[in-house]
Amino acid sequence: MRNGRARFTVGDETVEAVAGQIVVCPANVPHKFENLGPELLEQIDIHEARAFETEWLE
């Protein structure tokens, strides 16, 4: 993450991360994130696959 704080859910695990941390999500594992604020959340997402499908989790 470049800026902010976020809560990541990766499978059954929950991780709170801050700017400077890296969160790795294995392939084919459902994952989501939530901005914990109050500052802007800025992150870089890297996907190894040529194409990917997004299904927003609640």
C-alpha atoms as a PDB file:
ATOM      1  CA  MET A   1       0.000   0.000   0.000  1.00  0.00           C
ATOM      2  CA  ARG A   2       1.199   3.456  -0.814  1.00  0.00           C
ATOM      3  CA  ASN A   3      -1.068   5.447   1.487  1.00  0.00           C
ATOM      4  CA  GLY A   4      -3.752   4.853   4.104  1.00  0.00           C
ATOM      5  CA  ARG A   5      -5.008   1.946   6.200  1.00  0.00           C
ATOM      6  CA  ALA A   6      -7.079  -1.009   5.022  1.00  0.00           C
ATOM      7  CA  ARG A   7      -8.591  -4.247   6.242  1.00  0.00           C
ATOM      8  CA  PHE A   8      -7.972  -7.140   3.860  1.00  0.00           C
ATOM      9  CA  THR A   9      -9.892 -10.387   3.956  1.00  0.00           C
ATOM     10  CA  VAL A  10      -8.002 -13.187   2.214  1.00  0.00           C
ATOM     11  CA  GLY A  11      -9.964 -16.421   2.390  1.00  0.00           C
ATOM     12  CA  ASP A  12     -10.771 -16.850   6.103  1.00  0.00           C
ATOM     13  CA  GLU A  13      -7.958 -14.572   7.312  1.00  0.00           C
ATOM     14  CA  THR A  14      -8.286 -10.847   8.112  1.00  0.00           C
ATOM     15  CA  VAL A  15      -5.269  -8.540   8.011  1.00  0.00           C
ATOM     16  CA  GLU A  16      -5.082  -4.835   8.822  1.00  0.00           C
ATOM     17  CA  ALA A  17      -2.360  -3.116   6.815  1.00  0.00           C
ATOM     18  CA  VAL A  18      -0.867   0.376   6.636  1.00  0.00           C
ATOM     19  CA  ALA A  19       1.156   2.270   4.055  1.00  0.00           C
ATOM     20  CA  GLY A  20       4.390   0.453   3.241  1.00  0.00           C
ATOM     21  CA  GLN A  21       3.035  -3.054   3.827  1.00  0.00           C
ATOM     22  CA  ILE A  22       2.437  -5.720   1.176  1.00  0.00           C
ATOM     23  CA  VAL A  23      -0.507  -8.132   1.288  1.00  0.00           C
ATOM     24  CA  VAL A  24      -0.274 -11.245  -0.911  1.00  0.00           C
ATOM     25  CA  CYS A  25      -3.427 -13.075  -1.997  1.00  0.00           C
ATOM     26  CA  PRO A  26      -2.869 -16.553  -3.467  1.00  0.00           C
ATOM     27  CA  ALA A  27      -4.484 -17.395  -6.798  1.00  0.00           C
ATOM     28  CA  ASN A  28      -8.109 -18.542  -6.677  1.00  0.00           C
ATOM     29  CA  VAL A  29      -8.598 -17.385  -3.068  1.00  0.00           C
ATOM     30  CA  PRO A  30     -11.488 -14.929  -2.593  1.00  0.00           C
ATOM     31  CA  HIS A  31     -10.275 -11.613  -1.216  1.00  0.00           C
ATOM     32  CA  LYS A  32     -11.523  -8.102  -0.555  1.00  0.00           C
ATOM     33  CA  PHE A  33     -10.383  -4.870   1.087  1.00  0.00           C
ATOM     34  CA  GLU A  34     -11.963  -2.008   2.993  1.00  0.00           C
ATOM     35  CA  ASN A  35     -10.570   1.490   3.540  1.00  0.00           C
ATOM     36  CA  LEU A  36     -10.268   2.109   7.284  1.00  0.00           C
ATOM     37  CA  GLY A  37      -9.671   5.856   6.676  1.00  0.00           C
ATOM     38  CA  PRO A  38      -9.735   8.611   7.402  1.00  0.00           C
ATOM     39  CA  GLU A  39      -7.057   9.274   4.745  1.00  0.00           C
ATOM     40  CA  LEU A  40      -7.232   8.292   1.087  1.00  0.00           C
ATOM     41  CA  LEU A  41      -6.414   4.632   0.402  1.00  0.00           C
ATOM     42  CA  GLU A  42      -3.869   4.275  -2.387  1.00  0.00           C
ATOM     43  CA  GLN A  43      -2.625   0.830  -3.399  1.00  0.00           C
ATOM     44  CA  ILE A  44      -0.983  -0.910  -6.316  1.00  0.00           C
ATOM     45  CA  ASP A  45      -2.530  -4.224  -7.355  1.00  0.00           C
ATOM     46  CA  ILE A  46      -0.480  -6.650  -9.417  1.00  0.00           C
ATOM     47  CA  HIS A  47      -2.143  -9.595 -11.143  1.00  0.00           C
ATOM     48  CA  GLU A  48       0.066 -12.241 -12.745  1.00  0.00           C
ATOM     49  CA  ALA A  49      -2.634 -13.632 -15.035  1.00  0.00           C
ATOM     50  CA  ARG A  50      -3.152 -12.110 -18.491  1.00  0.00           C
ATOM     51  CA  ALA A  51      -6.812 -11.609 -17.651  1.00  0.00           C
ATOM     52  CA  PHE A  52      -8.804 -11.699 -14.462  1.00  0.00           C
ATOM     53  CA  GLU A  53     -12.428 -11.601 -13.485  1.00  0.00           C
ATOM     54  CA  THR A  54     -13.742  -9.315 -10.742  1.00  0.00           C
ATOM     55  CA  GLU A  55     -16.645 -10.355  -8.571  1.00  0.00           C
ATOM     56  CA  TRP A  56     -17.170  -7.835  -5.765  1.00  0.00           C
ATOM     57  CA  LEU A  57     -17.600  -9.525  -2.381  1.00  0.00           C
ATOM     58  CA  GLU A  58     -19.755  -7.946   0.290  1.00  0.00           C
END
